[in-house]
């Protein structure tokens, strides 16, 4: 969603690199490019004006003029101002002192409230809560049935006493759900309300009646991130008519311009609390303004990547894998079964291209990342699963006939099986070297990047020959002295003793004898 904005900002900052100081013209030109980038991203005009004014004021200040690298200081300012318009600090859910906590979802029809109720249920369940989804959208056809299906997929409870399709009183359903939650020990109630194609009096009145009936601890306004400036207008109308405490952005993975996300918190004064960025129920998380700003500026989002890894990977399994790779057998205990298990764990974290997109600087190879074929992981898994247990444990036994059988069983070419086995051996060798403290192979002599102390043979520095003088007279004298020394050594005994001294009768001095025993 923010690809175009990221590209424009990256190009703008590139022009600043290498400048020891920034002139007024440089600051004005940079501000103009940022303004164009934000307007093209469909950011609201009042937000753009405020943003540019703050950036220009700070860029002309002491923090840039006295900075060692003014270009990096401008990037820092833009990053901080982006965080500011996105809401500043991360806003957390407020839970009631006495259960149940009531969360009311509101918004226009088609914004994705019902699906988001299921995603919020999964997220709350992961936080250790027991949520209850309540079907109060009794107007839209099959809305009640849809919520029941979503709740079943999410593994959370649903309260749907009315069939919907125009039948039933949504206010009564909402009110009764609170008592039902108390009886059944659900500590969070998520109320899914009806929407309309546009803001009208009937929608506002029904939302206000449900609000008054259940006294929600949080009213979350669900907005489609793909509808642009109309999202801001709708949010303002809803804020004035019913009121809400926070914003939830749905469809953040779309390819529309992301101006709504950058505008809505600043215009309404209400922070974005959650964001939905995919079709799966797990593609949902708390919204962090600082992390979103880092993504927009192509600085990556390593914190989110680490959090996803911690959710997916078991510490016990990771320790077992590490011990196999660091074993004295050189990692040979690490089999294709282990490789498959690791690959499936990574797959659980989500799309490979999304994971790579969280790394800093990946915006520069965006096209390559977008062209990654996610089915390659499935093909690799199919090849490994077509092998016998013995072949997975000892890939060295896989010969030509075995490769042909595996290829036929997994529906790939024989060359694909051969390439997989070769890549596995290379990867195992590299991971084993790293696990044993050797760092990255092929880079000796650098701490942590290849062969630590004791792993590399100490190279003996070759002695340089004695340099000769450039003065012809002096050089001639040195050569004569060297010739005299050689002649004296030739006339000496076996130990190079002076002539006339018998080396057989030679004895070491007393102080040397005691060391020699």
Protein backbone atom coordinates (compact mmCIF):
# COMPACT_ATOMS: atom_id res chain seq x y z
CA UNK A 1 0.00 0.00 0.00
CA UNK A 2 2.85 2.40 0.76
CA UNK A 3 5.17 1.28 -2.06
CA UNK A 4 4.77 4.43 -4.17
CA UNK A 5 5.23 6.71 -1.16
CA UNK A 6 8.32 4.73 -0.06
CA UNK A 7 9.87 4.96 -3.53
CA UNK A 8 9.32 8.72 -3.77
CA UNK A 9 10.74 9.39 -0.32
CA UNK A 10 13.76 7.16 -0.99
CA UNK A 11 14.50 9.08 -4.21
CA UNK A 12 14.16 12.39 -2.35
CA UNK A 13 16.61 11.40 0.40
CA UNK A 14 19.05 10.02 -2.17
CA UNK A 15 19.51 13.54 -3.55
CA UNK A 16 20.63 14.75 -0.11
CA UNK A 17 23.43 12.25 0.34
CA UNK A 18 26.98 13.52 0.25
CA UNK A 19 26.10 17.11 1.17
CA UNK A 20 28.11 18.48 4.07
CA UNK A 21 25.49 21.14 4.80
CA UNK A 22 21.96 21.88 3.60
CA UNK A 23 21.07 25.23 2.11
CA UNK A 24 17.63 26.85 2.16
CA UNK A 25 17.19 25.73 -1.45
CA UNK A 26 17.97 22.10 -0.51
CA UNK A 27 15.43 22.16 2.33
CA UNK A 28 12.73 23.76 0.13
CA UNK A 29 13.34 21.27 -2.69
CA UNK A 30 13.19 18.32 -0.26
CA UNK A 31 9.99 19.64 1.34
CA UNK A 32 8.42 20.09 -2.10
CA UNK A 33 9.22 16.49 -3.10
CA UNK A 34 7.84 15.14 0.21
CA UNK A 35 4.67 17.21 -0.26
CA UNK A 36 4.12 15.78 -3.75
CA UNK A 37 4.77 12.24 -2.47
CA UNK A 38 2.20 12.62 0.33
CA UNK A 39 -0.45 14.17 -1.93
CA UNK A 40 0.04 11.38 -4.48
CA UNK A 41 -0.46 8.89 -1.63
CA UNK A 42 -3.88 10.52 -1.01
CA UNK A 43 -2.97 12.00 2.37
CA UNK A 44 -5.42 14.68 3.52
CA UNK A 45 -4.33 18.24 2.65
CA UNK A 46 -4.45 19.59 6.26
CA UNK A 47 -2.21 16.70 7.33
CA UNK A 48 0.26 17.41 4.51
CA UNK A 49 0.44 21.11 5.39
CA UNK A 50 1.06 20.40 9.06
CA UNK A 51 3.63 17.71 8.27
CA UNK A 52 5.63 19.83 5.82
CA UNK A 53 5.58 22.88 8.13
CA UNK A 54 7.02 20.82 11.00
CA UNK A 55 9.69 19.20 8.81
CA UNK A 56 10.84 22.54 7.34
CA UNK A 57 10.96 24.23 10.73
CA UNK A 58 13.04 21.46 12.25
CA UNK A 59 15.27 21.11 9.16
CA UNK A 60 16.25 24.80 9.45
CA UNK A 61 17.04 24.37 13.14
CA UNK A 62 20.21 23.62 15.05
CA UNK A 63 19.76 19.82 14.99
CA UNK A 64 20.48 19.75 11.23
CA UNK A 65 22.90 22.67 10.82
CA UNK A 66 25.28 21.25 13.45
CA UNK A 67 24.83 17.60 12.49
CA UNK A 68 27.75 15.58 11.09
CA UNK A 69 25.44 14.12 8.44
CA UNK A 70 22.58 16.53 7.62
CA UNK A 71 20.91 14.09 5.19
CA UNK A 72 20.55 11.41 7.89
CA UNK A 73 19.25 14.04 10.30
CA UNK A 74 16.50 15.01 7.82
CA UNK A 75 15.52 11.34 7.46
CA UNK A 76 15.34 11.14 11.26
CA UNK A 77 13.08 14.21 11.37
CA UNK A 78 10.76 12.81 8.67
CA UNK A 79 10.60 9.48 10.53
CA UNK A 80 9.66 11.20 13.82
CA UNK A 81 7.00 13.36 12.12
CA UNK A 82 5.54 10.27 10.40
CA UNK A 83 5.29 8.57 13.79
CA UNK A 84 3.56 11.67 15.12
CA UNK A 85 0.85 11.85 12.44
CA UNK A 86 0.29 8.08 12.75
CA UNK A 87 -0.63 8.57 16.40
CA UNK A 88 2.65 8.62 18.33
CA UNK A 89 2.77 5.81 20.87
CA UNK A 90 1.03 2.45 20.46
CA UNK A 91 -2.50 2.56 21.89
CA UNK A 92 -3.49 -0.54 23.90
CA UNK A 93 -6.96 -1.91 24.62
CA UNK A 94 -8.56 -0.79 27.86
CA UNK A 95 -9.97 -3.73 29.78
CA UNK A 96 -12.77 -3.39 32.32
CA UNK A 97 -11.96 -3.84 36.01
CA UNK A 98 -14.89 -6.23 36.25
CA UNK A 99 -15.45 -8.72 33.42
CA UNK A 100 -16.71 -8.77 30.78
CA UNK A 101 -14.93 -6.08 28.77
CA UNK A 102 -17.26 -4.91 25.99
CA UNK A 103 -15.80 -3.96 22.58
CA UNK A 104 -18.20 -2.55 20.00
CA UNK A 105 -17.29 -2.63 16.28
CA UNK A 106 -18.85 0.02 14.06
CA UNK A 107 -18.41 1.19 10.48
CA UNK A 108 -19.83 1.17 6.98
CA UNK A 109 -21.04 -1.92 5.17
CA UNK A 110 -18.20 -3.65 3.33
CA UNK A 111 -15.47 -2.35 5.64
CA UNK A 112 -14.87 -5.89 6.90
CA UNK A 113 -16.37 -5.71 10.41
CA UNK A 114 -17.59 -9.31 10.57
CA UNK A 115 -14.32 -10.85 9.40
CA UNK A 116 -12.45 -8.48 11.68
CA UNK A 117 -14.54 -9.66 14.64
CA UNK A 118 -13.13 -13.15 14.05
CA UNK A 119 -9.58 -11.80 13.71
CA UNK A 120 -9.97 -9.83 16.94
CA UNK A 121 -11.30 -13.00 18.60
CA UNK A 122 -8.17 -14.94 17.52
CA UNK A 123 -5.91 -12.12 18.75
CA UNK A 124 -7.69 -11.91 22.14
CA UNK A 125 -7.51 -15.68 22.49
CA UNK A 126 -3.78 -15.51 21.86
CA UNK A 127 -3.52 -12.90 24.63
CA UNK A 128 -5.08 -15.34 27.11
CA UNK A 129 -8.67 -14.09 27.02
CA UNK A 130 -11.91 -15.98 26.34
CA UNK A 131 -13.85 -13.81 23.84
CA UNK A 132 -17.51 -14.03 22.80
CA UNK A 133 -18.62 -12.73 19.39
CA UNK A 134 -22.12 -11.23 19.31
CA UNK A 135 -24.17 -11.05 16.09
CA UNK A 136 -25.98 -7.69 16.14
CA UNK A 137 -25.95 -7.17 12.36
CA UNK A 138 -29.50 -8.36 11.71
CA UNK A 139 -30.00 -6.34 8.50
CA UNK A 140 -27.48 -7.64 5.96
CA UNK A 141 -28.43 -10.99 4.40
CA UNK A 142 -26.54 -13.93 5.95
CA UNK A 143 -24.52 -11.66 8.26
CA UNK A 144 -25.40 -13.82 11.30
CA UNK A 145 -24.44 -17.00 9.45
CA UNK A 146 -21.17 -15.41 8.30
CA UNK A 147 -20.21 -14.48 11.87
CA UNK A 148 -21.00 -18.03 13.04
CA UNK A 149 -18.74 -19.49 10.35
CA UNK A 150 -15.93 -17.01 11.14
CA UNK A 151 -16.23 -17.75 14.89
CA UNK A 152 -16.04 -21.49 14.20
CA UNK A 153 -12.87 -21.04 12.12
CA UNK A 154 -11.39 -18.79 14.83
CA UNK A 155 -12.21 -21.30 17.56
CA UNK A 156 -14.15 -18.78 19.64
CA UNK A 157 -17.74 -18.72 20.95
CA UNK A 158 -20.59 -16.86 19.26
CA UNK A 159 -23.90 -15.51 20.59
CA UNK A 160 -26.52 -15.40 17.82
CA UNK A 161 -30.07 -15.89 19.16
CA UNK A 162 -31.71 -14.19 16.16
CA UNK A 163 -31.61 -15.47 12.55
CA UNK A 164 -31.08 -11.99 11.09
CA UNK A 165 -32.04 -11.14 7.50
CA UNK A 166 -34.19 -8.31 8.85
CA UNK A 167 -35.59 -10.31 11.81
CA UNK A 168 -34.80 -9.45 15.44
CA UNK A 169 -33.91 -6.50 17.65
CA UNK A 170 -30.14 -5.81 17.60
CA UNK A 171 -30.30 -3.64 20.75
CA UNK A 172 -31.91 -6.47 22.77
CA UNK A 173 -29.39 -9.02 21.43
CA UNK A 174 -26.50 -6.77 22.49
CA UNK A 175 -27.96 -6.21 25.95
CA UNK A 176 -28.70 -9.92 26.54
CA UNK A 177 -25.19 -10.91 25.42
CA UNK A 178 -23.63 -9.22 28.45
CA UNK A 179 -25.56 -11.39 30.91
CA UNK A 180 -24.87 -14.46 28.76
CA UNK A 181 -21.10 -13.69 28.90
CA UNK A 182 -21.21 -13.31 32.70
CA UNK A 183 -23.02 -16.65 33.05
CA UNK A 184 -20.64 -18.53 30.73
CA UNK A 185 -17.46 -16.84 32.08
CA UNK A 186 -16.43 -15.01 28.88
CA UNK A 187 -14.23 -12.06 29.81
CA UNK A 188 -14.45 -10.10 26.52
CA UNK A 189 -17.57 -9.43 24.43
CA UNK A 190 -17.08 -8.31 20.80
CA UNK A 191 -20.29 -6.77 19.40
CA UNK A 192 -20.58 -6.84 15.59
CA UNK A 193 -23.04 -4.11 14.49
CA UNK A 194 -24.79 -3.39 11.20
CA UNK A 195 -23.39 -1.01 8.60
CA UNK A 196 -24.78 1.01 5.72
CA UNK A 197 -23.51 1.95 2.29
CA UNK A 198 -23.15 5.50 3.58
CA UNK A 199 -23.69 7.56 6.72
CA UNK A 200 -27.41 8.01 7.43
CA UNK A 201 -29.61 8.80 10.42
CA UNK A 202 -30.88 5.23 10.85
CA UNK A 203 -27.32 3.86 11.08
CA UNK A 204 -26.32 6.51 13.61
CA UNK A 205 -29.40 5.94 15.75
CA UNK A 206 -29.01 2.15 15.89
CA UNK A 207 -25.30 2.46 16.76
CA UNK A 208 -26.10 5.00 19.49
CA UNK A 209 -28.86 2.73 20.93
CA UNK A 210 -26.49 -0.27 21.10
CA UNK A 211 -23.84 1.94 22.68
CA UNK A 212 -26.26 3.11 25.36
CA UNK A 213 -27.51 -0.45 26.00
CA UNK A 214 -24.10 -2.11 26.59
CA UNK A 215 -21.90 0.84 27.69
CA UNK A 216 -18.84 -0.45 25.78
CA UNK A 217 -15.35 -0.05 27.21
CA UNK A 218 -14.02 0.45 23.68
CA UNK A 219 -15.81 1.55 20.49
CA UNK A 220 -13.64 0.66 17.50
CA UNK A 221 -14.37 2.27 14.16
CA UNK A 222 -13.51 -0.18 11.35
CA UNK A 223 -12.41 1.57 8.18
CA UNK A 224 -11.40 0.17 4.79
CA UNK A 225 -7.86 1.43 4.15
CA UNK A 226 -8.46 1.26 0.38
CA UNK A 227 -11.22 3.86 0.06
CA UNK A 228 -8.96 6.89 0.38
CA UNK A 229 -10.16 10.29 1.60
CA UNK A 230 -13.76 9.13 2.02
CA UNK A 231 -12.57 7.06 4.97
CA UNK A 232 -11.51 10.24 6.75
CA UNK A 233 -14.85 11.96 6.01
CA UNK A 234 -16.81 8.92 7.27
CA UNK A 235 -14.69 8.73 10.42
CA UNK A 236 -15.29 12.40 11.18
CA UNK A 237 -19.07 12.00 10.69
CA UNK A 238 -19.17 8.91 12.89
CA UNK A 239 -17.05 10.57 15.58
CA UNK A 240 -19.45 13.52 15.75
CA UNK A 241 -22.61 11.34 15.57
CA UNK A 242 -21.84 8.39 17.87
CA UNK A 243 -18.23 8.70 18.96
CA UNK A 244 -15.47 6.09 18.98
CA UNK A 245 -12.30 5.43 20.95
CA UNK A 246 -9.98 3.96 18.35
CA UNK A 247 -9.63 3.04 14.68
CA UNK A 248 -9.09 -0.38 13.09
CA UNK A 249 -7.69 -0.43 9.54
CA UNK A 250 -8.80 -3.33 7.39
CA UNK A 251 -7.36 -4.40 4.00
CA UNK A 252 -3.98 -2.79 4.69
CA UNK A 253 -2.45 -5.34 2.32
CA UNK A 254 -4.27 -3.82 -0.65
CA UNK A 255 -2.55 -1.95 -3.48
CA UNK A 256 -4.54 1.28 -3.14
CA UNK A 257 -2.91 4.49 -1.94
CA UNK A 258 -2.50 4.48 1.84
CA UNK A 259 -3.39 8.09 2.57
CA UNK A 260 -6.29 7.13 4.86
CA UNK A 261 -3.91 5.44 7.29
CA UNK A 262 -1.67 8.51 7.38
CA UNK A 263 -4.60 10.94 7.73
CA UNK A 264 -7.23 9.41 9.97
CA UNK A 265 -5.40 9.57 13.32
CA UNK A 266 -4.34 13.19 12.77
CA UNK A 267 -7.75 14.39 11.54
CA UNK A 268 -9.98 12.61 14.07
CA UNK A 269 -7.64 12.76 17.05
CA UNK A 270 -8.27 9.02 17.64
CA UNK A 271 -5.41 6.58 17.29
CA UNK A 272 -5.22 3.54 15.03
CA UNK A 273 -5.25 0.54 17.38
CA UNK A 274 -5.26 -2.48 15.08
CA UNK A 275 -4.50 -3.28 11.47
CA UNK A 276 -5.60 -6.18 9.29
CA UNK A 277 -3.09 -6.99 6.55
CA UNK A 278 -4.25 -10.22 4.94
CA UNK A 279 -7.09 -12.63 4.37
CA UNK A 280 -6.18 -15.17 7.06
CA UNK A 281 -7.57 -14.80 10.57
CA UNK A 282 -4.00 -14.56 11.90
CA UNK A 283 -3.18 -11.57 9.64
CA UNK A 284 -4.08 -9.07 12.34
CA UNK A 285 -2.11 -7.29 15.04
CA UNK A 286 -1.80 -4.17 17.14
CA UNK A 287 -0.84 -1.06 15.15
CA UNK A 288 2.57 0.39 16.02
CA UNK A 289 3.11 3.91 14.55
CA UNK A 290 6.90 3.72 14.87
CA UNK A 291 7.09 0.38 13.05
CA UNK A 292 4.78 1.58 10.27
CA UNK A 293 6.91 4.70 9.79
CA UNK A 294 10.03 2.51 9.56
CA UNK A 295 8.38 0.38 6.87
CA UNK A 296 7.40 3.46 4.86
CA UNK A 297 11.01 4.73 4.99
CA UNK A 298 12.37 1.26 4.08
CA UNK A 299 14.03 0.83 7.48
CA UNK A 300 12.35 -2.53 7.99
CA UNK A 301 10.29 -3.85 10.88
CA UNK A 302 12.54 -6.26 12.74
CA UNK A 303 10.54 -6.08 15.98
CA UNK A 304 7.40 -7.46 14.32
CA UNK A 305 9.50 -10.12 12.56
CA UNK A 306 11.02 -11.19 15.91
CA UNK A 307 7.58 -11.28 17.57
CA UNK A 308 6.20 -13.50 14.79
CA UNK A 309 9.20 -15.82 15.10
CA UNK A 310 8.72 -16.09 18.88
CA UNK A 311 5.06 -17.00 18.38
CA UNK A 312 5.87 -19.67 15.79
CA UNK A 313 9.12 -21.28 16.95
CA UNK A 314 9.42 -23.37 20.07
CA UNK A 315 12.53 -22.61 22.15
CA UNK A 316 12.88 -26.31 22.95
CA UNK A 317 12.81 -27.28 19.27
CA UNK A 318 15.25 -24.50 18.39
CA UNK A 319 17.66 -25.74 21.09
CA UNK A 320 17.43 -29.31 19.74
CA UNK A 321 18.19 -28.14 16.19
CA UNK A 322 21.13 -26.05 17.41
CA UNK A 323 22.61 -29.00 19.33
CA UNK A 324 22.35 -31.20 16.23
CA UNK A 325 24.16 -28.63 14.10
CA UNK A 326 26.85 -28.00 16.74
CA UNK A 327 27.52 -31.72 17.34
CA UNK A 328 30.96 -33.29 16.86
CA UNK A 329 29.65 -35.06 13.74
CA UNK A 330 29.71 -31.79 11.84
CA UNK A 331 25.94 -31.40 11.68
CA UNK A 332 25.29 -34.85 10.16
CA UNK A 333 22.59 -35.44 12.79
CA UNK A 334 20.59 -32.69 11.06
CA UNK A 335 18.46 -34.61 8.56
CA UNK A 336 16.04 -33.74 5.80
CA UNK A 337 13.21 -34.36 8.29
CA UNK A 338 14.63 -31.57 10.46
CA UNK A 339 15.03 -29.38 7.39
CA UNK A 340 11.38 -29.96 6.46
CA UNK A 341 10.23 -29.17 10.02
CA UNK A 342 12.17 -25.88 10.01
CA UNK A 343 10.77 -24.95 6.61
CA UNK A 344 7.19 -25.59 7.74
CA UNK A 345 7.79 -23.46 10.86
CA UNK A 346 8.92 -20.55 8.68
CA UNK A 347 5.87 -21.06 6.46
CA UNK A 348 3.61 -20.70 9.52
CA UNK A 349 5.00 -17.20 10.04
CA UNK A 350 3.31 -16.11 6.82
CA UNK A 351 4.21 -15.22 3.27
CA UNK A 352 7.95 -15.40 2.48
CA UNK A 353 7.74 -12.12 0.55
CA UNK A 354 6.08 -10.40 3.54
CA UNK A 355 8.79 -11.66 5.89
CA UNK A 356 11.55 -10.44 3.57
CA UNK A 357 9.74 -7.09 3.27
CA UNK A 358 10.26 -6.55 7.01
CA UNK A 359 14.04 -6.50 6.59
CA UNK A 360 15.77 -3.11 6.22
CA UNK A 361 16.62 -2.04 2.67
CA UNK A 362 14.42 -4.63 0.98
CA UNK A 363 12.57 -1.87 -0.89
CA UNK A 364 15.51 -1.75 -3.29
CA UNK A 365 14.81 -5.32 -4.48
CA UNK A 366 11.03 -5.05 -4.20
CA UNK A 367 10.38 -6.48 -7.67
CA UNK A 368 12.44 -9.61 -6.96
CA UNK A 369 10.64 -10.14 -3.63
CA UNK A 370 7.23 -9.76 -5.28
CA UNK A 371 8.23 -12.36 -7.89
CA UNK A 372 9.04 -15.03 -5.29
CA UNK A 373 6.99 -18.15 -6.01
CA UNK A 374 5.52 -19.26 -2.67
CA UNK A 375 4.78 -22.68 -4.24
CA UNK A 376 8.52 -23.49 -4.25
CA UNK A 377 8.21 -24.30 -0.55
CA UNK A 378 5.39 -26.75 -1.32
CA UNK A 379 7.44 -28.37 -4.10
CA UNK A 380 10.40 -28.81 -1.76
CA UNK A 381 8.14 -30.36 0.88
CA UNK A 382 6.67 -32.73 -1.74
CA UNK A 383 10.16 -33.90 -2.78
CA UNK A 384 11.22 -34.61 0.83
CA UNK A 385 7.95 -36.39 1.63
CA UNK A 386 8.45 -38.63 -1.42
CA UNK A 387 11.65 -40.01 0.11
CA UNK A 388 11.85 -43.05 2.38
CA UNK A 389 12.73 -42.51 6.08
CA UNK A 390 16.21 -43.88 5.41
CA UNK A 391 16.78 -41.49 2.49
CA UNK A 392 15.74 -38.51 4.64
CA UNK A 393 18.12 -39.60 7.41
CA UNK A 394 21.01 -40.41 5.02
CA UNK A 395 20.67 -38.34 1.81
CA UNK A 396 24.09 -39.63 0.66
CA UNK A 397 22.47 -42.93 -0.43
CA UNK A 398 20.25 -41.18 -2.99
CA UNK A 399 21.59 -42.41 -6.33
CA UNK A 400 20.26 -42.07 -9.88
CA UNK A 401 17.47 -44.66 -9.62
CA UNK A 402 16.32 -43.28 -6.26
CA UNK A 403 16.26 -39.74 -7.69
CA UNK A 404 14.09 -40.93 -10.57
CA UNK A 405 11.63 -42.60 -8.16
CA UNK A 406 11.47 -39.51 -5.88
CA UNK A 407 10.96 -37.19 -8.88
CA UNK A 408 8.11 -39.35 -10.16
CA UNK A 409 6.47 -39.45 -6.73
CA UNK A 410 6.64 -35.68 -6.21
CA UNK A 411 5.81 -34.64 -9.77
CA UNK A 412 9.06 -32.79 -10.49
CA UNK A 413 12.08 -33.20 -12.77
CA UNK A 414 14.99 -35.40 -11.67
CA UNK A 415 17.25 -32.32 -11.72
CA UNK A 416 15.03 -30.69 -9.05
CA UNK A 417 15.68 -33.62 -6.67
CA UNK A 418 19.43 -33.47 -7.37
CA UNK A 419 19.51 -29.69 -6.78
CA UNK A 420 17.57 -30.00 -3.51
CA UNK A 421 19.96 -32.60 -2.08
CA UNK A 422 23.01 -30.57 -3.10
CA UNK A 423 21.55 -27.39 -1.59
CA UNK A 424 20.75 -29.28 1.61
CA UNK A 425 24.35 -30.46 1.99
CA UNK A 426 25.68 -26.94 1.39
CA UNK A 427 23.18 -25.39 3.83
CA UNK A 428 23.92 -28.00 6.50
CA UNK A 429 27.64 -27.44 6.17
CA UNK A 430 27.24 -23.67 6.46
CA UNK A 431 24.81 -23.83 9.42
CA UNK A 432 27.01 -26.34 11.21
CA UNK A 433 30.04 -24.09 10.84
CA UNK A 434 28.10 -21.13 12.20
CA UNK A 435 26.63 -23.17 15.09
CA UNK A 436 30.12 -24.29 16.12
CA UNK A 437 31.30 -20.69 16.35
CA UNK A 438 33.07 -20.59 13.03
CA UNK A 439 30.97 -17.74 11.68
CA UNK A 440 30.34 -17.33 7.97
CA UNK A 441 32.42 -19.74 5.83
CA UNK A 442 34.97 -18.29 3.47
CA UNK A 443 35.71 -15.20 5.58
CA UNK A 444 38.65 -16.17 7.86
CA UNK A 445 40.31 -13.81 10.26
CA UNK A 446 37.22 -11.74 11.16
CA UNK A 447 35.65 -12.34 14.58
CA UNK A 448 32.25 -13.95 14.17
CA UNK A 449 32.63 -14.07 10.39
CA UNK A 450 34.75 -17.18 10.02
CA UNK A 451 37.16 -19.35 11.99
CA UNK A 452 37.76 -17.95 15.45
CA UNK A 453 41.01 -18.35 17.37
CA UNK A 454 42.54 -21.79 16.96
CA UNK A 455 40.53 -22.63 13.87
CA UNK A 456 42.91 -21.13 11.36
CA UNK A 457 46.58 -22.13 11.08
CA UNK A 458 48.76 -19.24 11.91
CA UNK A 459 50.38 -18.02 8.76
CA UNK A 460 54.14 -17.56 9.05
CA UNK A 461 55.15 -14.21 7.78
CA UNK A 462 57.91 -14.55 5.24
CA UNK A 463 61.03 -12.60 6.07
CA UNK A 464 61.92 -9.94 3.59
CA UNK A 465 65.37 -9.94 2.06
CA UNK A 466 67.89 -7.42 3.35
CA UNK A 467 67.47 -4.16 1.52
CA UNK A 468 70.46 -2.82 -0.37
CA UNK A 469 71.56 0.79 -0.23
CA UNK A 470 70.85 3.04 -3.17
CA UNK A 471 74.30 4.67 -2.84
CA UNK A 472 76.73 2.83 -5.21
CA UNK A 473 79.78 3.37 -2.96
CA UNK A 474 77.96 2.27 0.19
CA UNK A 475 76.44 -0.75 -1.59
CA UNK A 476 79.91 -1.83 -2.79
CA UNK A 477 81.24 -1.66 0.81
CA UNK A 478 78.26 -3.71 2.10
CA UNK A 479 78.80 -6.39 -0.57
CA UNK A 480 82.51 -6.64 0.33
CA UNK A 481 81.68 -7.05 4.05
CA UNK A 482 79.09 -9.77 3.23
CA UNK A 483 81.63 -11.67 1.10
CA UNK A 484 84.14 -11.56 3.97
CA UNK A 485 81.55 -12.99 6.42
CA UNK A 486 80.71 -15.85 4.02
CA UNK A 487 84.40 -16.73 3.59
CA UNK A 488 84.94 -16.75 7.38
CA UNK A 489 81.90 -19.04 7.87
CA UNK A 490 83.18 -21.42 5.16
CA UNK A 491 86.52 -21.78 6.95
CA UNK A 492 84.84 -22.59 10.31
CA UNK A 493 83.73 -26.00 11.72
CA UNK A 494 80.41 -27.74 11.54
CA UNK A 495 78.83 -25.27 13.95
CA UNK A 496 80.22 -22.26 12.14
CA UNK A 497 82.96 -21.82 14.72
CA UNK A 498 86.00 -19.72 13.96
CA UNK A 499 88.80 -21.54 12.11
CA UNK A 500 91.22 -23.46 14.22
CA UNK A 501 88.75 -24.38 16.98
CA UNK A 502 87.85 -28.10 17.20
CA UNK A 503 84.11 -28.48 17.34
CA UNK A 504 84.48 -31.93 18.97
CA UNK A 505 86.10 -30.40 22.05
CA UNK A 506 83.60 -27.55 22.18
CA UNK A 507 81.56 -27.32 25.41
CA UNK A 508 78.55 -25.20 26.24
CA UNK A 509 78.96 -22.55 28.93
CA UNK A 510 77.85 -23.68 32.44
CA UNK A 511 74.76 -21.43 32.48
CA UNK A 512 73.49 -23.24 29.32
CA UNK A 513 74.35 -26.74 30.61
CA UNK A 514 71.82 -26.57 33.49
CA UNK A 515 69.01 -25.78 31.00
CA UNK A 516 70.03 -28.68 28.73
CA UNK A 517 70.11 -31.16 31.66
